[in-house]
């Protein structure tokens, strides 16, 4: 046990963190040290520059991949974030919280909410499961046919799984009551899927658009 972070960085050969390093921490790294943590360098270029200058070896949890391409260290956070996205979206569809008073599961005589999930990885799959479990009409978009096929197998009849395209996004998003973004390119900034025009469309309709954190697994 030591009293300060400075002592840890001065003595340790391997440093394990949960969150990305702060600039003050990258300044304490030295050549030959190994840093193992979430990095998200696409969103934090200053940290990337600091790590390069330090000479340390930095390994990002979010880029550790299995042979199958899955991201095992990111998956638990993605599961939580995906499930919370549907829960939070349902909350903000309620009129007291700024929504239009849409009950996500509908009620007798009233249609359920229409939910579009962008991305069929861990976050998107869990978001779709929760939204479908709450009774929403759910469409999931992804470029990976194998992921869509898996969703069809486990949620047959409860969701619609479609291959993503610009046309599909532009067609489905304006019809949706809730949009959940769960797209990731490992180690890079997430691509822009929903344009500013579509976001403005949501604002004009007074609808909530829920976009997950940048480190979500696909």
C-alpha atoms as a PDB file:
ATOM      1  CA  UNK A   1       0.000   0.000   0.000  1.00  0.00           C
ATOM      2  CA  UNK A   2       1.261   3.466  -0.880  1.00  0.00           C
ATOM      3  CA  UNK A   3      -0.117   6.929  -0.244  1.00  0.00           C
ATOM      4  CA  UNK A   4       0.109   8.619  -3.634  1.00  0.00           C
ATOM      5  CA  UNK A   5      -0.334   7.901  -7.327  1.00  0.00           C
ATOM      6  CA  UNK A   6       3.150   9.242  -7.923  1.00  0.00           C
ATOM      7  CA  UNK A   7       4.611   6.401  -5.865  1.00  0.00           C
ATOM      8  CA  UNK A   8       2.693   3.822  -7.873  1.00  0.00           C
ATOM      9  CA  UNK A   9       3.818   5.207 -11.214  1.00  0.00           C
ATOM     10  CA  UNK A  10       7.403   5.500  -9.997  1.00  0.00           C
ATOM     11  CA  UNK A  11       7.662   1.905  -8.739  1.00  0.00           C
ATOM     12  CA  UNK A  12       5.249  -0.273 -10.722  1.00  0.00           C
ATOM     13  CA  UNK A  13       6.149  -2.211 -13.851  1.00  0.00           C
ATOM     14  CA  UNK A  14       2.501  -2.970 -14.694  1.00  0.00           C
ATOM     15  CA  UNK A  15      -0.305  -0.486 -13.952  1.00  0.00           C
ATOM     16  CA  UNK A  16      -3.948  -1.601 -14.114  1.00  0.00           C
ATOM     17  CA  UNK A  17      -6.672   1.037 -14.240  1.00  0.00           C
ATOM     18  CA  UNK A  18     -10.406   1.061 -14.860  1.00  0.00           C
ATOM     19  CA  UNK A  19     -10.767   4.413 -16.618  1.00  0.00           C
ATOM     20  CA  UNK A  20      -8.604   6.074 -19.242  1.00  0.00           C
ATOM     21  CA  UNK A  21      -5.455   7.813 -17.938  1.00  0.00           C
ATOM     22  CA  UNK A  22      -5.554  11.514 -17.235  1.00  0.00           C
ATOM     23  CA  UNK A  23      -2.945  13.803 -18.749  1.00  0.00           C
ATOM     24  CA  UNK A  24      -1.257  14.115 -15.366  1.00  0.00           C
ATOM     25  CA  UNK A  25      -0.953  10.325 -15.240  1.00  0.00           C
ATOM     26  CA  UNK A  26       0.444   9.902 -18.742  1.00  0.00           C
ATOM     27  CA  UNK A  27       3.131  12.406 -17.761  1.00  0.00           C
ATOM     28  CA  UNK A  28       4.227  10.013 -14.984  1.00  0.00           C
ATOM     29  CA  UNK A  29       4.594   6.998 -17.279  1.00  0.00           C
ATOM     30  CA  UNK A  30       8.042   5.940 -18.395  1.00  0.00           C
ATOM     31  CA  UNK A  31       9.614   3.733 -21.006  1.00  0.00           C
ATOM     32  CA  UNK A  32       9.372   0.041 -20.166  1.00  0.00           C
ATOM     33  CA  UNK A  33       6.163   0.333 -18.125  1.00  0.00           C
ATOM     34  CA  UNK A  34       2.950  -1.412 -19.202  1.00  0.00           C
ATOM     35  CA  UNK A  35      -0.416   0.317 -18.806  1.00  0.00           C
ATOM     36  CA  UNK A  36      -3.558  -1.854 -19.049  1.00  0.00           C
ATOM     37  CA  UNK A  37      -6.836   0.083 -19.033  1.00  0.00           C
ATOM     38  CA  UNK A  38      -9.653   1.502 -21.136  1.00  0.00           C
ATOM     39  CA  UNK A  39      -8.074   4.070 -23.455  1.00  0.00           C
ATOM     40  CA  UNK A  40     -10.634   5.383 -26.002  1.00  0.00           C
ATOM     41  CA  UNK A  41      -7.831   7.187 -27.795  1.00  0.00           C
ATOM     42  CA  UNK A  42     -10.002   8.121 -30.779  1.00  0.00           C
ATOM     43  CA  UNK A  43     -11.895  10.455 -28.478  1.00  0.00           C
ATOM     44  CA  UNK A  44      -8.860  11.653 -26.494  1.00  0.00           C
ATOM     45  CA  UNK A  45      -6.034  12.657 -28.877  1.00  0.00           C
ATOM     46  CA  UNK A  46      -4.103  14.477 -26.141  1.00  0.00           C
ATOM     47  CA  UNK A  47      -3.876  11.244 -24.136  1.00  0.00           C
ATOM     48  CA  UNK A  48      -2.682   9.420 -27.245  1.00  0.00           C
ATOM     49  CA  UNK A  49       0.077  11.975 -27.735  1.00  0.00           C
ATOM     50  CA  UNK A  50       1.080  11.681 -24.073  1.00  0.00           C
ATOM     51  CA  UNK A  51       1.263   7.884 -24.252  1.00  0.00           C
ATOM     52  CA  UNK A  52       3.427   8.021 -27.357  1.00  0.00           C
ATOM     53  CA  UNK A  53       5.784  10.473 -25.679  1.00  0.00           C
ATOM     54  CA  UNK A  54       6.077   8.349 -22.538  1.00  0.00           C
ATOM     55  CA  UNK A  55       7.471   5.303 -24.330  1.00  0.00           C
ATOM     56  CA  UNK A  56       5.269   3.017 -22.207  1.00  0.00           C
ATOM     57  CA  UNK A  57       3.373   0.055 -23.655  1.00  0.00           C
ATOM     58  CA  UNK A  58      -0.367   0.771 -23.409  1.00  0.00           C
ATOM     59  CA  UNK A  59      -2.939  -1.995 -23.918  1.00  0.00           C
ATOM     60  CA  UNK A  60      -6.607  -1.011 -24.220  1.00  0.00           C
ATOM     61  CA  UNK A  61      -9.244  -3.300 -22.718  1.00  0.00           C
ATOM     62  CA  UNK A  62     -11.650  -2.322 -25.501  1.00  0.00           C
ATOM     63  CA  UNK A  63      -9.339  -3.593 -28.260  1.00  0.00           C
ATOM     64  CA  UNK A  64      -8.544  -7.047 -26.819  1.00  0.00           C
ATOM     65  CA  UNK A  65     -10.181  -9.446 -29.270  1.00  0.00           C
ATOM     66  CA  UNK A  66     -10.809 -13.165 -29.358  1.00  0.00           C
ATOM     67  CA  UNK A  67     -10.156 -15.136 -32.538  1.00  0.00           C
ATOM     68  CA  UNK A  68     -13.872 -14.771 -33.309  1.00  0.00           C
ATOM     69  CA  UNK A  69     -13.550 -10.983 -33.267  1.00  0.00           C
ATOM     70  CA  UNK A  70     -15.504 -10.578 -30.026  1.00  0.00           C
ATOM     71  CA  UNK A  71     -14.339  -8.129 -27.354  1.00  0.00           C
ATOM     72  CA  UNK A  72     -14.530 -10.054 -24.053  1.00  0.00           C
ATOM     73  CA  UNK A  73     -13.313  -7.266 -21.764  1.00  0.00           C
ATOM     74  CA  UNK A  74     -15.773  -4.761 -23.195  1.00  0.00           C
ATOM     75  CA  UNK A  75     -18.774  -7.102 -23.301  1.00  0.00           C
ATOM     76  CA  UNK A  76     -19.889  -6.762 -19.636  1.00  0.00           C
ATOM     77  CA  UNK A  77     -20.050  -2.972 -19.875  1.00  0.00           C
ATOM     78  CA  UNK A  78     -21.850  -3.250 -23.196  1.00  0.00           C
ATOM     79  CA  UNK A  79     -24.472  -5.575 -21.729  1.00  0.00           C
ATOM     80  CA  UNK A  80     -25.198  -3.123 -18.938  1.00  0.00           C
ATOM     81  CA  UNK A  81     -25.235  -0.081 -21.208  1.00  0.00           C
ATOM     82  CA  UNK A  82     -27.513  -1.769 -23.740  1.00  0.00           C
ATOM     83  CA  UNK A  83     -30.060  -2.791 -21.140  1.00  0.00           C
ATOM     84  CA  UNK A  84     -29.969   0.623 -19.507  1.00  0.00           C
ATOM     85  CA  UNK A  85     -30.465   2.337 -22.880  1.00  0.00           C
ATOM     86  CA  UNK A  86     -33.911   0.794 -23.360  1.00  0.00           C
ATOM     87  CA  UNK A  87     -34.804   1.456 -19.742  1.00  0.00           C
ATOM     88  CA  UNK A  88     -33.705   5.088 -19.978  1.00  0.00           C
ATOM     89  CA  UNK A  89     -35.443   5.513 -23.323  1.00  0.00           C
ATOM     90  CA  UNK A  90     -38.737   4.287 -21.877  1.00  0.00           C
ATOM     91  CA  UNK A  91     -38.295   6.758 -19.015  1.00  0.00           C
ATOM     92  CA  UNK A  92     -37.799   9.727 -21.338  1.00  0.00           C
ATOM     93  CA  UNK A  93     -40.759   8.777 -23.526  1.00  0.00           C
ATOM     94  CA  UNK A  94     -42.967   9.592 -20.543  1.00  0.00           C
ATOM     95  CA  UNK A  95     -44.526  13.055 -20.659  1.00  0.00           C
ATOM     96  CA  UNK A  96     -43.298  14.108 -17.168  1.00  0.00           C
ATOM     97  CA  UNK A  97     -39.744  13.545 -18.414  1.00  0.00           C
ATOM     98  CA  UNK A  98     -40.033  15.454 -21.695  1.00  0.00           C
ATOM     99  CA  UNK A  99     -41.526  12.788 -23.954  1.00  0.00           C
ATOM    100  CA  UNK A 100     -44.823  12.572 -25.787  1.00  0.00           C
ATOM    101  CA  UNK A 101     -46.422  10.283 -23.251  1.00  0.00           C
ATOM    102  CA  UNK A 102     -45.646   7.077 -25.148  1.00  0.00           C
ATOM    103  CA  UNK A 103     -45.875   3.857 -23.131  1.00  0.00           C
ATOM    104  CA  UNK A 104     -43.142   1.683 -24.616  1.00  0.00           C
ATOM    105  CA  UNK A 105     -45.251  -1.479 -24.427  1.00  0.00           C
ATOM    106  CA  UNK A 106     -48.461   0.204 -25.478  1.00  0.00           C
ATOM    107  CA  UNK A 107     -51.808  -0.619 -23.899  1.00  0.00           C
ATOM    108  CA  UNK A 108     -55.087  -2.102 -25.076  1.00  0.00           C
ATOM    109  CA  UNK A 109     -56.184  -0.077 -28.086  1.00  0.00           C
ATOM    110  CA  UNK A 110     -52.849   1.805 -28.354  1.00  0.00           C
ATOM    111  CA  UNK A 111     -49.840   0.662 -30.364  1.00  0.00           C
ATOM    112  CA  UNK A 112     -46.500   0.075 -28.600  1.00  0.00           C
ATOM    113  CA  UNK A 113     -43.478   2.305 -29.150  1.00  0.00           C
ATOM    114  CA  UNK A 114     -41.361   1.766 -32.241  1.00  0.00           C
ATOM    115  CA  UNK A 115     -37.720   1.248 -31.272  1.00  0.00           C
ATOM    116  CA  UNK A 116     -34.804   1.187 -33.724  1.00  0.00           C
ATOM    117  CA  UNK A 117     -31.477  -0.207 -32.503  1.00  0.00           C
ATOM    118  CA  UNK A 118     -28.373   0.617 -34.544  1.00  0.00           C
ATOM    119  CA  UNK A 119     -25.868  -2.197 -34.037  1.00  0.00           C
ATOM    120  CA  UNK A 120     -26.386  -5.864 -33.173  1.00  0.00           C
ATOM    121  CA  UNK A 121     -23.378  -6.462 -30.935  1.00  0.00           C
ATOM    122  CA  UNK A 122     -23.453  -6.887 -27.162  1.00  0.00           C
ATOM    123  CA  UNK A 123     -24.949  -3.461 -26.472  1.00  0.00           C
ATOM    124  CA  UNK A 124     -27.432  -3.543 -29.323  1.00  0.00           C
ATOM    125  CA  UNK A 125     -28.527  -7.112 -28.638  1.00  0.00           C
ATOM    126  CA  UNK A 126     -29.177  -6.380 -24.973  1.00  0.00           C
ATOM    127  CA  UNK A 127     -31.002  -3.157 -25.816  1.00  0.00           C
ATOM    128  CA  UNK A 128     -33.198  -5.071 -28.267  1.00  0.00           C
ATOM    129  CA  UNK A 129     -33.922  -7.838 -25.760  1.00  0.00           C
ATOM    130  CA  UNK A 130     -35.048  -5.388 -23.089  1.00  0.00           C
ATOM    131  CA  UNK A 131     -37.097  -3.250 -25.484  1.00  0.00           C
ATOM    132  CA  UNK A 132     -38.800  -6.355 -26.903  1.00  0.00           C
ATOM    133  CA  UNK A 133     -39.358  -7.669 -23.391  1.00  0.00           C
ATOM    134  CA  UNK A 134     -41.129  -4.410 -22.539  1.00  0.00           C
ATOM    135  CA  UNK A 135     -43.451  -4.949 -25.483  1.00  0.00           C
ATOM    136  CA  UNK A 136     -42.015  -2.513 -28.025  1.00  0.00           C
ATOM    137  CA  UNK A 137     -41.906  -3.044 -31.779  1.00  0.00           C
ATOM    138  CA  UNK A 138     -38.140  -3.440 -32.301  1.00  0.00           C
ATOM    139  CA  UNK A 139     -36.013  -3.244 -35.442  1.00  0.00           C
ATOM    140  CA  UNK A 140     -32.261  -3.928 -35.246  1.00  0.00           C
ATOM    141  CA  UNK A 141     -29.862  -2.796 -37.971  1.00  0.00           C
ATOM    142  CA  UNK A 142     -26.335  -4.134 -38.504  1.00  0.00           C
ATOM    143  CA  UNK A 143     -23.899  -4.782 -41.352  1.00  0.00           C
ATOM    144  CA  UNK A 144     -22.925  -8.205 -39.990  1.00  0.00           C
ATOM    145  CA  UNK A 145     -25.286 -10.837 -41.366  1.00  0.00           C
ATOM    146  CA  UNK A 146     -24.055 -13.448 -38.864  1.00  0.00           C
ATOM    147  CA  UNK A 147     -25.074 -11.212 -35.960  1.00  0.00           C
ATOM    148  CA  UNK A 148     -28.470 -10.595 -37.520  1.00  0.00           C
ATOM    149  CA  UNK A 149     -28.908 -14.320 -38.087  1.00  0.00           C
ATOM    150  CA  UNK A 150     -28.098 -14.964 -34.418  1.00  0.00           C
ATOM    151  CA  UNK A 151     -30.689 -12.389 -33.334  1.00  0.00           C
ATOM    152  CA  UNK A 152     -33.259 -14.042 -35.574  1.00  0.00           C
ATOM    153  CA  UNK A 153     -32.506 -17.359 -33.905  1.00  0.00           C
ATOM    154  CA  UNK A 154     -32.802 -16.152 -30.311  1.00  0.00           C
ATOM    155  CA  UNK A 155     -35.531 -13.508 -30.736  1.00  0.00           C
ATOM    156  CA  UNK A 156     -37.557 -14.945 -33.595  1.00  0.00           C
ATOM    157  CA  UNK A 157     -40.936 -13.221 -33.803  1.00  0.00           C
ATOM    158  CA  UNK A 158     -40.029 -10.611 -31.198  1.00  0.00           C
ATOM    159  CA  UNK A 159     -37.832  -8.323 -33.302  1.00  0.00           C
ATOM    160  CA  UNK A 160     -37.039  -7.572 -36.949  1.00  0.00           C
ATOM    161  CA  UNK A 161     -33.342  -7.844 -37.883  1.00  0.00           C
ATOM    162  CA  UNK A 162     -32.326  -5.928 -41.013  1.00  0.00           C
ATOM    163  CA  UNK A 163     -29.063  -5.261 -42.804  1.00  0.00           C
ATOM    164  CA  UNK A 164     -28.054  -1.667 -42.231  1.00  0.00           C
ATOM    165  CA  UNK A 165     -27.844   0.846 -45.062  1.00  0.00           C
ATOM    166  CA  UNK A 166     -28.210   4.590 -45.491  1.00  0.00           C
ATOM    167  CA  UNK A 167     -31.665   4.008 -46.950  1.00  0.00           C
ATOM    168  CA  UNK A 168     -32.745   1.781 -44.041  1.00  0.00           C
ATOM    169  CA  UNK A 169     -31.574   4.328 -41.459  1.00  0.00           C
ATOM    170  CA  UNK A 170     -33.253   7.229 -43.245  1.00  0.00           C
ATOM    171  CA  UNK A 171     -36.449   5.203 -43.594  1.00  0.00           C
ATOM    172  CA  UNK A 172     -36.687   3.789 -40.074  1.00  0.00           C
ATOM    173  CA  UNK A 173     -35.356   6.560 -37.831  1.00  0.00           C
ATOM    174  CA  UNK A 174     -38.096   9.116 -38.666  1.00  0.00           C
ATOM    175  CA  UNK A 175     -40.745   6.462 -37.918  1.00  0.00           C
ATOM    176  CA  UNK A 176     -39.233   5.568 -34.541  1.00  0.00           C
ATOM    177  CA  UNK A 177     -40.233   6.692 -31.084  1.00  0.00           C
ATOM    178  CA  UNK A 178     -36.829   5.735 -29.700  1.00  0.00           C
ATOM    179  CA  UNK A 179     -33.472   5.276 -31.434  1.00  0.00           C
ATOM    180  CA  UNK A 180     -30.616   3.528 -29.623  1.00  0.00           C
ATOM    181  CA  UNK A 181     -27.115   3.833 -31.072  1.00  0.00           C
ATOM    182  CA  UNK A 182     -24.806   0.892 -30.358  1.00  0.00           C
ATOM    183  CA  UNK A 183     -22.231   1.002 -33.149  1.00  0.00           C
ATOM    184  CA  UNK A 184     -18.499   0.632 -32.521  1.00  0.00           C
ATOM    185  CA  UNK A 185     -15.368   0.307 -34.594  1.00  0.00           C
ATOM    186  CA  UNK A 186     -12.873  -1.163 -32.118  1.00  0.00           C
ATOM    187  CA  UNK A 187     -10.149   1.334 -31.294  1.00  0.00           C
ATOM    188  CA  UNK A 188     -11.626   4.087 -33.454  1.00  0.00           C
ATOM    189  CA  UNK A 189     -14.245   6.787 -33.168  1.00  0.00           C
ATOM    190  CA  UNK A 190     -17.733   5.419 -33.769  1.00  0.00           C
ATOM    191  CA  UNK A 191     -19.013   6.255 -37.261  1.00  0.00           C
ATOM    192  CA  UNK A 192     -21.792   8.783 -37.741  1.00  0.00           C
ATOM    193  CA  UNK A 193     -24.904   6.772 -38.557  1.00  0.00           C
ATOM    194  CA  UNK A 194     -27.653   9.243 -37.698  1.00  0.00           C
ATOM    195  CA  UNK A 195     -27.178  12.557 -39.480  1.00  0.00           C
ATOM    196  CA  UNK A 196     -27.782  16.004 -38.014  1.00  0.00           C
ATOM    197  CA  UNK A 197     -30.913  16.292 -40.169  1.00  0.00           C
ATOM    198  CA  UNK A 198     -32.384  13.154 -38.601  1.00  0.00           C
ATOM    199  CA  UNK A 199     -31.460  14.375 -35.116  1.00  0.00           C
ATOM    200  CA  UNK A 200     -33.218  17.664 -35.879  1.00  0.00           C
ATOM    201  CA  UNK A 201     -36.242  15.677 -37.035  1.00  0.00           C
ATOM    202  CA  UNK A 202     -36.362  14.061 -33.606  1.00  0.00           C
ATOM    203  CA  UNK A 203     -36.104  17.429 -31.897  1.00  0.00           C
ATOM    204  CA  UNK A 204     -38.902  18.841 -34.021  1.00  0.00           C
ATOM    205  CA  UNK A 205     -41.135  15.886 -33.077  1.00  0.00           C
ATOM    206  CA  UNK A 206     -40.163  16.179 -29.419  1.00  0.00           C
ATOM    207  CA  UNK A 207     -38.810  12.619 -29.350  1.00  0.00           C
ATOM    208  CA  UNK A 208     -35.903  11.270 -27.292  1.00  0.00           C
ATOM    209  CA  UNK A 209     -32.895   9.911 -29.185  1.00  0.00           C
ATOM    210  CA  UNK A 210     -30.797   7.662 -26.972  1.00  0.00           C
ATOM    211  CA  UNK A 211     -27.169   7.257 -28.092  1.00  0.00           C
ATOM    212  CA  UNK A 212     -24.929   4.934 -26.126  1.00  0.00           C
ATOM    213  CA  UNK A 213     -21.451   5.771 -24.893  1.00  0.00           C
ATOM    214  CA  UNK A 214     -18.623   5.713 -27.413  1.00  0.00           C
ATOM    215  CA  UNK A 215     -17.024   2.563 -25.930  1.00  0.00           C
ATOM    216  CA  UNK A 216     -19.937   0.243 -26.509  1.00  0.00           C
ATOM    217  CA  UNK A 217     -19.249  -3.039 -28.167  1.00  0.00           C
ATOM    218  CA  UNK A 218     -20.832  -3.665 -31.538  1.00  0.00           C
END
